[in-house]
Amino acid sequence: MAKNNKEYSSPEDVSILSRGIKIEGNIFSEGNIRIDGKVTGNVETSSNLTLGEHSDLNGEIKAKNITISGKVEGTLFTSEKLVLESKSLVIGDISCKILVVESGAKFNGNSRMGDQQTASIQSP
């Protein structure tokens, strides 16, 4: 029986950018992404994005679900849920279906919520 040599990325796959890593450029993925380092550029995934406590991202973000514990400067688009955890700092505009803001989170910008706002967000 011959093996199929195609590579697949499942939603369970997680790409991790550890603390201390600095990237200048855009990141695209079909799987989940966790960032604990610094990124200057856009991040886009059709799955979930987690920004850890030490993350520092400057750019546009597009994802199905986003959870933020670190710092973000830029525009955020999510087709489902955006969670701003207690230590997060977000400077920029957000568009999401569901917004969760924990006590202590800091957000400076505009927000748009609901199905109509996120309907145009497509996966990469």
PDB file of N, CA and C in Angstrom:
ATOM      1  N   MET A   1       0.835  -1.174   0.000  1.00  0.00           N
ATOM      2  CA  MET A   1       0.000   0.000   0.000  1.00  0.00           C
ATOM      3  C   MET A   1       0.888   1.249   0.000  1.00  0.00           C
ATOM      4  N   ALA A   2       0.656   2.134  -0.912  1.00  0.00           N
ATOM      5  CA  ALA A   2       1.459   3.353  -1.036  1.00  0.00           C
ATOM      6  C   ALA A   2       0.995   4.390  -0.029  1.00  0.00           C
ATOM      7  N   LYS A   3       1.949   5.127   0.514  1.00  0.00           N
ATOM      8  CA  LYS A   3       1.642   6.198   1.449  1.00  0.00           C
ATOM      9  C   LYS A   3       1.383   7.489   0.700  1.00  0.00           C
ATOM     10  N   ASN A   4       0.426   8.245   1.165  1.00  0.00           N
ATOM     11  CA  ASN A   4       0.156   9.559   0.608  1.00  0.00           C
ATOM     12  C   ASN A   4       1.152  10.537   1.230  1.00  0.00           C
ATOM     13  N   ASN A   5       1.919  11.237   0.412  1.00  0.00           N
ATOM     14  CA  ASN A   5       2.964  12.130   0.917  1.00  0.00           C
ATOM     15  C   ASN A   5       2.489  13.540   1.231  1.00  0.00           C
ATOM     16  N   LYS A   6       1.184  13.803   1.144  1.00  0.00           N
ATOM     17  CA  LYS A   6       0.676  15.139   1.454  1.00  0.00           C
ATOM     18  C   LYS A   6       0.809  15.411   2.948  1.00  0.00           C
ATOM     19  N   GLU A   7       1.124  16.642   3.258  1.00  0.00           N
ATOM     20  CA  GLU A   7       1.201  17.045   4.654  1.00  0.00           C
ATOM     21  C   GLU A   7      -0.060  17.806   5.006  1.00  0.00           C
ATOM     22  N   TYR A   8      -0.582  17.540   6.181  1.00  0.00           N
ATOM     23  CA  TYR A   8      -1.805  18.185   6.619  1.00  0.00           C
ATOM     24  C   TYR A   8      -1.563  18.909   7.932  1.00  0.00           C
ATOM     25  N   SER A   9      -2.263  20.002   8.109  1.00  0.00           N
ATOM     26  CA  SER A   9      -2.228  20.743   9.356  1.00  0.00           C
ATOM     27  C   SER A   9      -3.613  20.647   9.968  1.00  0.00           C
ATOM     28  N   SER A  10      -3.716  20.009  11.107  1.00  0.00           N
ATOM     29  CA  SER A  10      -5.016  19.881  11.754  1.00  0.00           C
ATOM     30  C   SER A  10      -5.171  20.994  12.780  1.00  0.00           C
ATOM     31  N   PRO A  11      -6.418  21.286  13.165  1.00  0.00           N
ATOM     32  CA  PRO A  11      -6.634  22.337  14.162  1.00  0.00           C
ATOM     33  C   PRO A  11      -5.945  22.053  15.494  1.00  0.00           C
ATOM     34  N   GLU A  12      -5.582  20.788  15.760  1.00  0.00           N
ATOM     35  CA  GLU A  12      -4.903  20.437  16.998  1.00  0.00           C
ATOM     36  C   GLU A  12      -3.421  20.815  16.973  1.00  0.00           C
ATOM     37  N   ASP A  13      -2.859  21.042  15.793  1.00  0.00           N
ATOM     38  CA  ASP A  13      -1.461  21.445  15.678  1.00  0.00           C
ATOM     39  C   ASP A  13      -1.277  22.824  16.305  1.00  0.00           C
ATOM     40  N   VAL A  14      -0.179  22.995  17.034  1.00  0.00           N
ATOM     41  CA  VAL A  14       0.114  24.290  17.645  1.00  0.00           C
ATOM     42  C   VAL A  14       1.522  24.704  17.255  1.00  0.00           C
ATOM     43  N   SER A  15       1.645  25.883  16.671  1.00  0.00           N
ATOM     44  CA  SER A  15       2.951  26.478  16.390  1.00  0.00           C
ATOM     45  C   SER A  15       3.267  27.410  17.551  1.00  0.00           C
ATOM     46  N   ILE A  16       4.437  27.236  18.163  1.00  0.00           N
ATOM     47  CA  ILE A  16       4.795  28.011  19.352  1.00  0.00           C
ATOM     48  C   ILE A  16       6.003  28.887  19.062  1.00  0.00           C
ATOM     49  N   LEU A  17       5.858  30.179  19.354  1.00  0.00           N
ATOM     50  CA  LEU A  17       6.974  31.125  19.302  1.00  0.00           C
ATOM     51  C   LEU A  17       7.298  31.471  20.754  1.00  0.00           C
ATOM     52  N   SER A  18       8.372  30.924  21.253  1.00  0.00           N
ATOM     53  CA  SER A  18       8.718  31.023  22.668  1.00  0.00           C
ATOM     54  C   SER A  18       9.207  32.410  23.061  1.00  0.00           C
ATOM     55  N   ARG A  19       9.234  32.633  24.361  1.00  0.00           N
ATOM     56  CA  ARG A  19       9.752  33.875  24.927  1.00  0.00           C
ATOM     57  C   ARG A  19      11.195  34.056  24.476  1.00  0.00           C
ATOM     58  N   GLY A  20      11.558  35.275  24.100  1.00  0.00           N
ATOM     59  CA  GLY A  20      12.910  35.563  23.636  1.00  0.00           C
ATOM     60  C   GLY A  20      13.043  35.563  22.126  1.00  0.00           C
ATOM     61  N   ILE A  21      12.053  35.026  21.425  1.00  0.00           N
ATOM     62  CA  ILE A  21      12.086  35.027  19.957  1.00  0.00           C
ATOM     63  C   ILE A  21      11.523  36.350  19.451  1.00  0.00           C
ATOM     64  N   LYS A  22      12.205  36.940  18.451  1.00  0.00           N
ATOM     65  CA  LYS A  22      11.740  38.172  17.809  1.00  0.00           C
ATOM     66  C   LYS A  22      11.596  37.897  16.323  1.00  0.00           C
ATOM     67  N   ILE A  23      10.421  38.210  15.782  1.00  0.00           N
ATOM     68  CA  ILE A  23      10.151  37.994  14.360  1.00  0.00           C
ATOM     69  C   ILE A  23       9.677  39.294  13.742  1.00  0.00           C
ATOM     70  N   GLU A  24      10.263  39.636  12.599  1.00  0.00           N
ATOM     71  CA  GLU A  24       9.787  40.756  11.792  1.00  0.00           C
ATOM     72  C   GLU A  24       9.288  40.169  10.489  1.00  0.00           C
ATOM     73  N   GLY A  25       7.971  40.206  10.292  1.00  0.00           N
ATOM     74  CA  GLY A  25       7.359  39.621   9.102  1.00  0.00           C
ATOM     75  C   GLY A  25       5.997  39.053   9.444  1.00  0.00           C
ATOM     76  N   ASN A  26       5.305  38.574   8.435  1.00  0.00           N
ATOM     77  CA  ASN A  26       3.951  38.064   8.605  1.00  0.00           C
ATOM     78  C   ASN A  26       3.957  36.568   8.888  1.00  0.00           C
ATOM     79  N   ILE A  27       2.975  36.130   9.665  1.00  0.00           N
ATOM     80  CA  ILE A  27       2.826  34.722  10.014  1.00  0.00           C
ATOM     81  C   ILE A  27       1.449  34.262   9.552  1.00  0.00           C
ATOM     82  N   PHE A  28       1.411  33.152   8.798  1.00  0.00           N
ATOM     83  CA  PHE A  28       0.157  32.556   8.334  1.00  0.00           C
ATOM     84  C   PHE A  28       0.145  31.091   8.741  1.00  0.00           C
ATOM     85  N   SER A  29      -1.009  30.611   9.232  1.00  0.00           N
ATOM     86  CA  SER A  29      -1.125  29.213   9.637  1.00  0.00           C
ATOM     87  C   SER A  29      -2.573  28.771   9.545  1.00  0.00           C
ATOM     88  N   GLU A  30      -2.775  27.470   9.335  1.00  0.00           N
ATOM     89  CA  GLU A  30      -4.114  26.902   9.424  1.00  0.00           C
ATOM     90  C   GLU A  30      -4.345  26.316  10.805  1.00  0.00           C
ATOM     91  N   GLY A  31      -3.270  26.068  11.549  1.00  0.00           N
ATOM     92  CA  GLY A  31      -3.374  25.492  12.886  1.00  0.00           C
ATOM     93  C   GLY A  31      -3.320  26.562  13.958  1.00  0.00           C
ATOM     94  N   ASN A  32      -3.384  26.116  15.198  1.00  0.00           N
ATOM     95  CA  ASN A  32      -3.327  27.016  16.342  1.00  0.00           C
ATOM     96  C   ASN A  32      -1.926  27.608  16.479  1.00  0.00           C
ATOM     97  N   ILE A  33      -1.870  28.840  17.005  1.00  0.00           N
ATOM     98  CA  ILE A  33      -0.595  29.527  17.221  1.00  0.00           C
ATOM     99  C   ILE A  33      -0.554  30.028  18.662  1.00  0.00           C
ATOM    100  N   ARG A  34       0.610  29.859  19.303  1.00  0.00           N
ATOM    101  CA  ARG A  34       0.852  30.473  20.608  1.00  0.00           C
ATOM    102  C   ARG A  34       2.119  31.310  20.486  1.00  0.00           C
ATOM    103  N   ILE A  35       2.008  32.577  20.909  1.00  0.00           N
ATOM    104  CA  ILE A  35       3.143  33.498  20.833  1.00  0.00           C
ATOM    105  C   ILE A  35       3.482  33.979  22.239  1.00  0.00           C
ATOM    106  N   ASP A  36       4.741  33.786  22.629  1.00  0.00           N
ATOM    107  CA  ASP A  36       5.246  34.299  23.897  1.00  0.00           C
ATOM    108  C   ASP A  36       6.409  35.260  23.667  1.00  0.00           C
ATOM    109  N   GLY A  37       6.763  35.498  22.417  1.00  0.00           N
ATOM    110  CA  GLY A  37       7.854  36.394  22.060  1.00  0.00           C
ATOM    111  C   GLY A  37       7.332  37.689  21.460  1.00  0.00           C
ATOM    112  N   LYS A  38       8.185  38.315  20.634  1.00  0.00           N
ATOM    113  CA  LYS A  38       7.841  39.600  20.023  1.00  0.00           C
ATOM    114  C   LYS A  38       7.680  39.416  18.517  1.00  0.00           C
ATOM    115  N   VAL A  39       6.568  39.934  17.977  1.00  0.00           N
ATOM    116  CA  VAL A  39       6.298  39.864  16.542  1.00  0.00           C
ATOM    117  C   VAL A  39       5.959  41.257  16.040  1.00  0.00           C
ATOM    118  N   THR A  40       6.669  41.690  14.998  1.00  0.00           N
ATOM    119  CA  THR A  40       6.327  42.915  14.284  1.00  0.00           C
ATOM    120  C   THR A  40       5.873  42.475  12.904  1.00  0.00           C
ATOM    121  N   GLY A  41       4.572  42.500  12.690  1.00  0.00           N
ATOM    122  CA  GLY A  41       3.993  42.015  11.442  1.00  0.00           C
ATOM    123  C   GLY A  41       2.602  41.469  11.698  1.00  0.00           C
ATOM    124  N   ASN A  42       1.956  41.017  10.653  1.00  0.00           N
ATOM    125  CA  ASN A  42       0.595  40.511  10.753  1.00  0.00           C
ATOM    126  C   ASN A  42       0.596  39.022  11.083  1.00  0.00           C
ATOM    127  N   VAL A  43      -0.425  38.596  11.834  1.00  0.00           N
ATOM    128  CA  VAL A  43      -0.594  37.185  12.185  1.00  0.00           C
ATOM    129  C   VAL A  43      -1.990  36.767  11.745  1.00  0.00           C
ATOM    130  N   GLU A  44      -2.058  35.672  10.980  1.00  0.00           N
ATOM    131  CA  GLU A  44      -3.345  35.201  10.481  1.00  0.00           C
ATOM    132  C   GLU A  44      -3.420  33.682  10.586  1.00  0.00           C
ATOM    133  N   THR A  45      -4.513  33.197  11.194  1.00  0.00           N
ATOM    134  CA  THR A  45      -4.760  31.764  11.296  1.00  0.00           C
ATOM    135  C   THR A  45      -6.254  31.502  11.194  1.00  0.00           C
ATOM    136  N   SER A  46      -6.614  30.357  10.631  1.00  0.00           N
ATOM    137  CA  SER A  46      -8.022  29.983  10.562  1.00  0.00           C
ATOM    138  C   SER A  46      -8.446  29.273  11.843  1.00  0.00           C
ATOM    139  N   SER A  47      -7.524  29.144  12.794  1.00  0.00           N
ATOM    140  CA  SER A  47      -7.810  28.484  14.071  1.00  0.00           C
ATOM    141  C   SER A  47      -7.659  29.487  15.213  1.00  0.00           C
ATOM    142  N   ASN A  48      -7.075  29.053  16.306  1.00  0.00           N
ATOM    143  CA  ASN A  48      -6.975  29.863  17.518  1.00  0.00           C
ATOM    144  C   ASN A  48      -5.589  30.478  17.686  1.00  0.00           C
ATOM    145  N   LEU A  49      -5.569  31.685  18.246  1.00  0.00           N
ATOM    146  CA  LEU A  49      -4.322  32.384  18.540  1.00  0.00           C
ATOM    147  C   LEU A  49      -4.289  32.702  20.028  1.00  0.00           C
ATOM    148  N   THR A  50      -3.190  32.328  20.682  1.00  0.00           N
ATOM    149  CA  THR A  50      -2.988  32.649  22.093  1.00  0.00           C
ATOM    150  C   THR A  50      -1.733  33.498  22.205  1.00  0.00           C
ATOM    151  N   LEU A  51      -1.867  34.658  22.850  1.00  0.00           N
ATOM    152  CA  LEU A  51      -0.731  35.541  23.098  1.00  0.00           C
ATOM    153  C   LEU A  51      -0.445  35.500  24.593  1.00  0.00           C
ATOM    154  N   GLY A  52       0.691  34.910  24.952  1.00  0.00           N
ATOM    155  CA  GLY A  52       1.061  34.732  26.349  1.00  0.00           C
ATOM    156  C   GLY A  52       1.403  36.039  27.044  1.00  0.00           C
ATOM    157  N   GLU A  53       1.630  35.940  28.340  1.00  0.00           N
ATOM    158  CA  GLU A  53       1.886  37.106  29.183  1.00  0.00           C
ATOM    159  C   GLU A  53       3.081  37.931  28.724  1.00  0.00           C
ATOM    160  N   HIS A  54       4.095  37.316  28.132  1.00  0.00           N
ATOM    161  CA  HIS A  54       5.299  38.028  27.704  1.00  0.00           C
ATOM    162  C   HIS A  54       5.271  38.389  26.223  1.00  0.00           C
ATOM    163  N   SER A  55       4.156  38.158  25.565  1.00  0.00           N
ATOM    164  CA  SER A  55       4.064  38.458  24.130  1.00  0.00           C
ATOM    165  C   SER A  55       3.973  39.960  23.898  1.00  0.00           C
ATOM    166  N   ASP A  56       4.486  40.379  22.739  1.00  0.00           N
ATOM    167  CA  ASP A  56       4.450  41.779  22.314  1.00  0.00           C
ATOM    168  C   ASP A  56       4.262  41.753  20.810  1.00  0.00           C
ATOM    169  N   LEU A  57       3.071  42.106  20.345  1.00  0.00           N
ATOM    170  CA  LEU A  57       2.748  42.009  18.928  1.00  0.00           C
ATOM    171  C   LEU A  57       2.344  43.374  18.395  1.00  0.00           C
ATOM    172  N   ASN A  58       2.942  43.760  17.273  1.00  0.00           N
ATOM    173  CA  ASN A  58       2.602  45.018  16.621  1.00  0.00           C
ATOM    174  C   ASN A  58       2.212  44.693  15.190  1.00  0.00           C
ATOM    175  N   GLY A  59       0.892  44.728  14.889  1.00  0.00           N
ATOM    176  CA  GLY A  59       0.411  44.409  13.553  1.00  0.00           C
ATOM    177  C   GLY A  59      -1.054  44.025  13.577  1.00  0.00           C
ATOM    178  N   GLU A  60      -1.528  43.557  12.451  1.00  0.00           N
ATOM    179  CA  GLU A  60      -2.922  43.139  12.317  1.00  0.00           C
ATOM    180  C   GLU A  60      -3.047  41.651  12.639  1.00  0.00           C
ATOM    181  N   ILE A  61      -4.120  41.296  13.359  1.00  0.00           N
ATOM    182  CA  ILE A  61      -4.358  39.904  13.740  1.00  0.00           C
ATOM    183  C   ILE A  61      -5.708  39.466  13.196  1.00  0.00           C
ATOM    184  N   LYS A  62      -5.730  38.272  12.575  1.00  0.00           N
ATOM    185  CA  LYS A  62      -6.977  37.640  12.144  1.00  0.00           C
ATOM    186  C   LYS A  62      -6.952  36.192  12.616  1.00  0.00           C
ATOM    187  N   ALA A  63      -7.997  35.778  13.354  1.00  0.00           N
ATOM    188  CA  ALA A  63      -8.071  34.407  13.854  1.00  0.00           C
ATOM    189  C   ALA A  63      -9.515  34.065  14.187  1.00  0.00           C
ATOM    190  N   LYS A  64      -9.775  32.777  14.350  1.00  0.00           N
ATOM    191  CA  LYS A  64     -11.111  32.329  14.749  1.00  0.00           C
ATOM    192  C   LYS A  64     -11.386  32.774  16.184  1.00  0.00           C
ATOM    193  N   ASN A  65     -10.491  32.437  17.096  1.00  0.00           N
ATOM    194  CA  ASN A  65     -10.561  32.842  18.503  1.00  0.00           C
ATOM    195  C   ASN A  65      -9.205  33.404  18.906  1.00  0.00           C
ATOM    196  N   ILE A  66      -9.221  34.452  19.733  1.00  0.00           N
ATOM    197  CA  ILE A  66      -7.979  35.068  20.196  1.00  0.00           C
ATOM    198  C   ILE A  66      -8.043  35.213  21.713  1.00  0.00           C
ATOM    199  N   THR A  67      -6.973  34.781  22.389  1.00  0.00           N
ATOM    200  CA  THR A  67      -6.833  34.984  23.828  1.00  0.00           C
ATOM    201  C   THR A  67      -5.539  35.758  24.048  1.00  0.00           C
ATOM    202  N   ILE A  68      -5.647  36.891  24.765  1.00  0.00           N
ATOM    203  CA  ILE A  68      -4.490  37.774  24.943  1.00  0.00           C
ATOM    204  C   ILE A  68      -4.172  37.944  26.426  1.00  0.00           C
ATOM    205  N   SER A  69      -2.905  37.692  26.772  1.00  0.00           N
ATOM    206  CA  SER A  69      -2.397  37.978  28.117  1.00  0.00           C
ATOM    207  C   SER A  69      -1.280  39.012  28.064  1.00  0.00           C
ATOM    208  N   GLY A  70      -0.760  39.289  26.875  1.00  0.00           N
ATOM    209  CA  GLY A  70       0.360  40.208  26.697  1.00  0.00           C
ATOM    210  C   GLY A  70      -0.071  41.532  26.099  1.00  0.00           C
ATOM    211  N   LYS A  71       0.827  42.097  25.267  1.00  0.00           N
ATOM    212  CA  LYS A  71       0.613  43.425  24.684  1.00  0.00           C
ATOM    213  C   LYS A  71       0.392  43.308  23.177  1.00  0.00           C
ATOM    214  N   VAL A  72      -0.607  44.051  22.685  1.00  0.00           N
ATOM    215  CA  VAL A  72      -0.893  44.106  21.249  1.00  0.00           C
ATOM    216  C   VAL A  72      -1.133  45.550  20.853  1.00  0.00           C
ATOM    217  N   GLU A  73      -0.454  45.987  19.781  1.00  0.00           N
ATOM    218  CA  GLU A  73      -0.754  47.267  19.140  1.00  0.00           C
ATOM    219  C   GLU A  73      -1.129  46.958  17.711  1.00  0.00           C
ATOM    220  N   GLY A  74      -2.389  47.229  17.353  1.00  0.00           N
ATOM    221  CA  GLY A  74      -2.838  46.939  15.999  1.00  0.00           C
ATOM    222  C   GLY A  74      -4.324  46.658  15.957  1.00  0.00           C
ATOM    223  N   THR A  75      -4.760  46.121  14.842  1.00  0.00           N
ATOM    224  CA  THR A  75      -6.166  45.825  14.613  1.00  0.00           C
ATOM    225  C   THR A  75      -6.395  44.328  14.763  1.00  0.00           C
ATOM    226  N   LEU A  76      -7.458  43.960  15.477  1.00  0.00           N
ATOM    227  CA  LEU A  76      -7.772  42.560  15.724  1.00  0.00           C
ATOM    228  C   LEU A  76      -9.118  42.213  15.103  1.00  0.00           C
ATOM    229  N   PHE A  77      -9.148  41.115  14.355  1.00  0.00           N
ATOM    230  CA  PHE A  77     -10.379  40.592  13.769  1.00  0.00           C
ATOM    231  C   PHE A  77     -10.528  39.143  14.205  1.00  0.00           C
ATOM    232  N   THR A  78     -11.651  38.796  14.797  1.00  0.00           N
ATOM    233  CA  THR A  78     -11.917  37.410  15.142  1.00  0.00           C
ATOM    234  C   THR A  78     -13.336  37.053  14.732  1.00  0.00           C
ATOM    235  N   SER A  79     -13.503  35.871  14.151  1.00  0.00           N
ATOM    236  CA  SER A  79     -14.826  35.450  13.703  1.00  0.00           C
ATOM    237  C   SER A  79     -15.651  34.891  14.854  1.00  0.00           C
ATOM    238  N   GLU A  80     -15.031  34.625  15.980  1.00  0.00           N
ATOM    239  CA  GLU A  80     -15.748  34.091  17.136  1.00  0.00           C
ATOM    240  C   GLU A  80     -15.472  34.938  18.378  1.00  0.00           C
ATOM    241  N   LYS A  81     -14.571  34.467  19.251  1.00  0.00           N
ATOM    242  CA  LYS A  81     -14.404  35.080  20.567  1.00  0.00           C
ATOM    243  C   LYS A  81     -13.022  35.701  20.756  1.00  0.00           C
ATOM    244  N   LEU A  82     -13.014  36.880  21.392  1.00  0.00           N
ATOM    245  CA  LEU A  82     -11.788  37.561  21.808  1.00  0.00           C
ATOM    246  C   LEU A  82     -11.801  37.645  23.327  1.00  0.00           C
ATOM    247  N   VAL A  83     -10.729  37.138  23.958  1.00  0.00           N
ATOM    248  CA  VAL A  83     -10.610  37.178  25.416  1.00  0.00           C
ATOM    249  C   VAL A  83      -9.412  38.045  25.779  1.00  0.00           C
ATOM    250  N   LEU A  84      -9.667  39.099  26.557  1.00  0.00           N
ATOM    251  CA  LEU A  84      -8.602  39.953  27.082  1.00  0.00           C
ATOM    252  C   LEU A  84      -8.407  39.566  28.542  1.00  0.00           C
ATOM    253  N   GLU A  85      -7.324  38.843  28.818  1.00  0.00           N
ATOM    254  CA  GLU A  85      -7.073  38.379  30.176  1.00  0.00           C
ATOM    255  C   GLU A  85      -6.551  39.516  31.046  1.00  0.00           C
ATOM    256  N   SER A  86      -6.495  39.294  32.346  1.00  0.00           N
ATOM    257  CA  SER A  86      -6.254  40.359  33.320  1.00  0.00           C
ATOM    258  C   SER A  86      -4.970  41.153  33.113  1.00  0.00           C
ATOM    259  N   LYS A  87      -3.927  40.556  32.541  1.00  0.00           N
ATOM    260  CA  LYS A  87      -2.657  41.268  32.350  1.00  0.00           C
ATOM    261  C   LYS A  87      -2.483  41.808  30.935  1.00  0.00           C
ATOM    262  N   SER A  88      -3.516  41.743  30.128  1.00  0.00           N
ATOM    263  CA  SER A  88      -3.390  42.155  28.721  1.00  0.00           C
ATOM    264  C   SER A  88      -3.450  43.671  28.561  1.00  0.00           C
ATOM    265  N   LEU A  89      -2.787  44.134  27.484  1.00  0.00           N
ATOM    266  CA  LEU A  89      -2.845  45.530  27.058  1.00  0.00           C
ATOM    267  C   LEU A  89      -3.070  45.521  25.554  1.00  0.00           C
ATOM    268  N   VAL A  90      -4.199  46.079  25.128  1.00  0.00           N
ATOM    269  CA  VAL A  90      -4.527  46.144  23.708  1.00  0.00           C
ATOM    270  C   VAL A  90      -4.728  47.600  23.331  1.00  0.00           C
ATOM    271  N   ILE A  91      -3.941  48.056  22.337  1.00  0.00           N
ATOM    272  CA  ILE A  91      -4.070  49.408  21.806  1.00  0.00           C
ATOM    273  C   ILE A  91      -4.420  49.259  20.337  1.00  0.00           C
ATOM    274  N   GLY A  92      -5.664  49.559  19.986  1.00  0.00           N
ATOM    275  CA  GLY A  92      -6.105  49.405  18.608  1.00  0.00           C
ATOM    276  C   GLY A  92      -7.564  49.012  18.553  1.00  0.00           C
ATOM    277  N   ASP A  93      -8.043  48.781  17.366  1.00  0.00           N
ATOM    278  CA  ASP A  93      -9.450  48.474  17.160  1.00  0.00           C
ATOM    279  C   ASP A  93      -9.672  46.973  17.080  1.00  0.00           C
ATOM    280  N   ILE A  94     -10.849  46.537  17.566  1.00  0.00           N
ATOM    281  CA  ILE A  94     -11.182  45.121  17.542  1.00  0.00           C
ATOM    282  C   ILE A  94     -12.541  44.900  16.891  1.00  0.00           C
ATOM    283  N   SER A  95     -12.674  43.752  16.246  1.00  0.00           N
ATOM    284  CA  SER A  95     -13.936  43.325  15.650  1.00  0.00           C
ATOM    285  C   SER A  95     -14.114  41.855  16.000  1.00  0.00           C
ATOM    286  N   CYS A  96     -15.221  41.525  16.680  1.00  0.00           N
ATOM    287  CA  CYS A  96     -15.434  40.149  17.122  1.00  0.00           C
ATOM    288  C   CYS A  96     -16.918  39.878  17.319  1.00  0.00           C
ATOM    289  N   LYS A  97     -17.248  38.602  17.456  1.00  0.00           N
ATOM    290  CA  LYS A  97     -18.621  38.205  17.750  1.00  0.00           C
ATOM    291  C   LYS A  97     -18.865  38.280  19.257  1.00  0.00           C
ATOM    292  N   ILE A  98     -17.903  37.771  20.042  1.00  0.00           N
ATOM    293  CA  ILE A  98     -18.013  37.742  21.503  1.00  0.00           C
ATOM    294  C   ILE A  98     -16.748  38.369  22.088  1.00  0.00           C
ATOM    295  N   LEU A  99     -16.919  39.283  23.042  1.00  0.00           N
ATOM    296  CA  LEU A  99     -15.788  39.932  23.710  1.00  0.00           C
ATOM    297  C   LEU A  99     -15.848  39.644  25.204  1.00  0.00           C
ATOM    298  N   VAL A 100     -14.745  39.107  25.746  1.00  0.00           N
ATOM    299  CA  VAL A 100     -14.630  38.842  27.180  1.00  0.00           C
ATOM    300  C   VAL A 100     -13.460  39.675  27.694  1.00  0.00           C
ATOM    301  N   VAL A 101     -13.727  40.547  28.670  1.00  0.00           N
ATOM    302  CA  VAL A 101     -12.684  41.395  29.244  1.00  0.00           C
ATOM    303  C   VAL A 101     -12.592  41.093  30.737  1.00  0.00           C
ATOM    304  N   GLU A 102     -11.467  40.524  31.149  1.00  0.00           N
ATOM    305  CA  GLU A 102     -11.268  40.224  32.560  1.00  0.00           C
ATOM    306  C   GLU A 102     -10.881  41.489  33.318  1.00  0.00           C
ATOM    307  N   SER A 103     -11.158  41.491  34.609  1.00  0.00           N
ATOM    308  CA  SER A 103     -10.789  42.601  35.475  1.00  0.00           C
ATOM    309  C   SER A 103      -9.278  42.804  35.427  1.00  0.00           C
ATOM    310  N   GLY A 104      -8.848  44.037  35.195  1.00  0.00           N
ATOM    311  CA  GLY A 104      -7.428  44.358  35.108  1.00  0.00           C
ATOM    312  C   GLY A 104      -6.920  44.501  33.691  1.00  0.00           C
ATOM    313  N   ALA A 105      -7.654  43.982  32.714  1.00  0.00           N
ATOM    314  CA  ALA A 105      -7.255  44.117  31.305  1.00  0.00           C
ATOM    315  C   ALA A 105      -7.353  45.579  30.896  1.00  0.00           C
ATOM    316  N   LYS A 106      -6.450  45.998  29.989  1.00  0.00           N
ATOM    317  CA  LYS A 106      -6.456  47.380  29.505  1.00  0.00           C
ATOM    318  C   LYS A 106      -6.699  47.374  28.005  1.00  0.00           C
ATOM    319  N   PHE A 107      -7.668  48.177  27.569  1.00  0.00           N
ATOM    320  CA  PHE A 107      -8.029  48.264  26.157  1.00  0.00           C
ATOM    321  C   PHE A 107      -8.248  49.721  25.800  1.00  0.00           C
ATOM    322  N   ASN A 108      -7.529  50.187  24.768  1.00  0.00           N
ATOM    323  CA  ASN A 108      -7.677  51.555  24.293  1.00  0.00           C
ATOM    324  C   ASN A 108      -7.908  51.502  22.794  1.00  0.00           C
ATOM    325  N   GLY A 109      -9.149  51.714  22.371  1.00  0.00           N
ATOM    326  CA  GLY A 109      -9.487  51.655  20.954  1.00  0.00           C
ATOM    327  C   GLY A 109     -10.983  51.542  20.770  1.00  0.00           C
ATOM    328  N   ASN A 110     -11.385  51.177  19.570  1.00  0.00           N
ATOM    329  CA  ASN A 110     -12.797  50.998  19.246  1.00  0.00           C
ATOM    330  C   ASN A 110     -13.106  49.517  19.126  1.00  0.00           C
ATOM    331  N   SER A 111     -14.348  49.158  19.448  1.00  0.00           N
ATOM    332  CA  SER A 111     -14.752  47.757  19.297  1.00  0.00           C
ATOM    333  C   SER A 111     -16.055  47.678  18.517  1.00  0.00           C
ATOM    334  N   ARG A 112     -16.129  46.643  17.682  1.00  0.00           N
ATOM    335  CA  ARG A 112     -17.351  46.327  16.944  1.00  0.00           C
ATOM    336  C   ARG A 112     -17.663  44.872  17.228  1.00  0.00           C
ATOM    337  N   MET A 113     -18.922  44.626  17.595  1.00  0.00           N
ATOM    338  CA  MET A 113     -19.293  43.260  17.963  1.00  0.00           C
ATOM    339  C   MET A 113     -20.534  42.819  17.211  1.00  0.00           C
ATOM    340  N   GLY A 114     -20.660  41.498  17.076  1.00  0.00           N
ATOM    341  CA  GLY A 114     -21.850  40.923  16.470  1.00  0.00           C
ATOM    342  C   GLY A 114     -21.546  40.191  15.187  1.00  0.00           C
ATOM    343  N   ASP A 115     -22.528  39.431  14.714  1.00  0.00           N
ATOM    344  CA  ASP A 115     -22.378  38.619  13.508  1.00  0.00           C
ATOM    345  C   ASP A 115     -22.087  39.448  12.268  1.00  0.00           C
ATOM    346  N   GLN A 116     -22.712  40.602  12.124  1.00  0.00           N
ATOM    347  CA  GLN A 116     -22.512  41.416  10.921  1.00  0.00           C
ATOM    348  C   GLN A 116     -21.090  41.945  10.832  1.00  0.00           C
ATOM    349  N   GLN A 117     -20.464  42.228  11.962  1.00  0.00           N
ATOM    350  CA  GLN A 117     -19.109  42.776  11.964  1.00  0.00           C
ATOM    351  C   GLN A 117     -18.068  41.736  11.577  1.00  0.00           C
ATOM    352  N   THR A 118     -18.342  40.460  11.892  1.00  0.00           N
ATOM    353  CA  THR A 118     -17.356  39.414  11.654  1.00  0.00           C
ATOM    354  C   THR A 118     -17.665  38.573  10.430  1.00  0.00           C
ATOM    355  N   ALA A 119     -18.763  38.834   9.763  1.00  0.00           N
ATOM    356  CA  ALA A 119     -19.172  38.005   8.624  1.00  0.00           C
ATOM    357  C   ALA A 119     -18.165  38.033   7.486  1.00  0.00           C
ATOM    358  N   SER A 120     -17.458  39.131   7.310  1.00  0.00           N
ATOM    359  CA  SER A 120     -16.517  39.254   6.196  1.00  0.00           C
ATOM    360  C   SER A 120     -15.145  38.652   6.492  1.00  0.00           C
ATOM    361  N   ILE A 121     -14.914  38.195   7.710  1.00  0.00           N
ATOM    362  CA  ILE A 121     -13.624  37.611   8.065  1.00  0.00           C
ATOM    363  C   ILE A 121     -13.591  36.172   7.580  1.00  0.00           C
ATOM    364  N   GLN A 122     -12.690  35.888   6.675  1.00  0.00           N
ATOM    365  CA  GLN A 122     -12.551  34.548   6.113  1.00  0.00           C
ATOM    366  C   GLN A 122     -11.240  33.954   6.578  1.00  0.00           C
ATOM    367  N   SER A 123     -11.167  32.636   6.543  1.00  0.00           N
ATOM    368  CA  SER A 123      -9.920  31.967   6.892  1.00  0.00           C
ATOM    369  C   SER A 123      -8.915  32.152   5.772  1.00  0.00           C
ATOM    370  N   PRO A 124      -7.609  32.057   6.121  1.00  0.00           N
ATOM    371  CA  PRO A 124      -6.563  32.288   5.122  1.00  0.00           C
ATOM    372  C   PRO A 124      -6.549  31.228   4.047  1.00  0.00           C
TER     373      PRO A 124
END
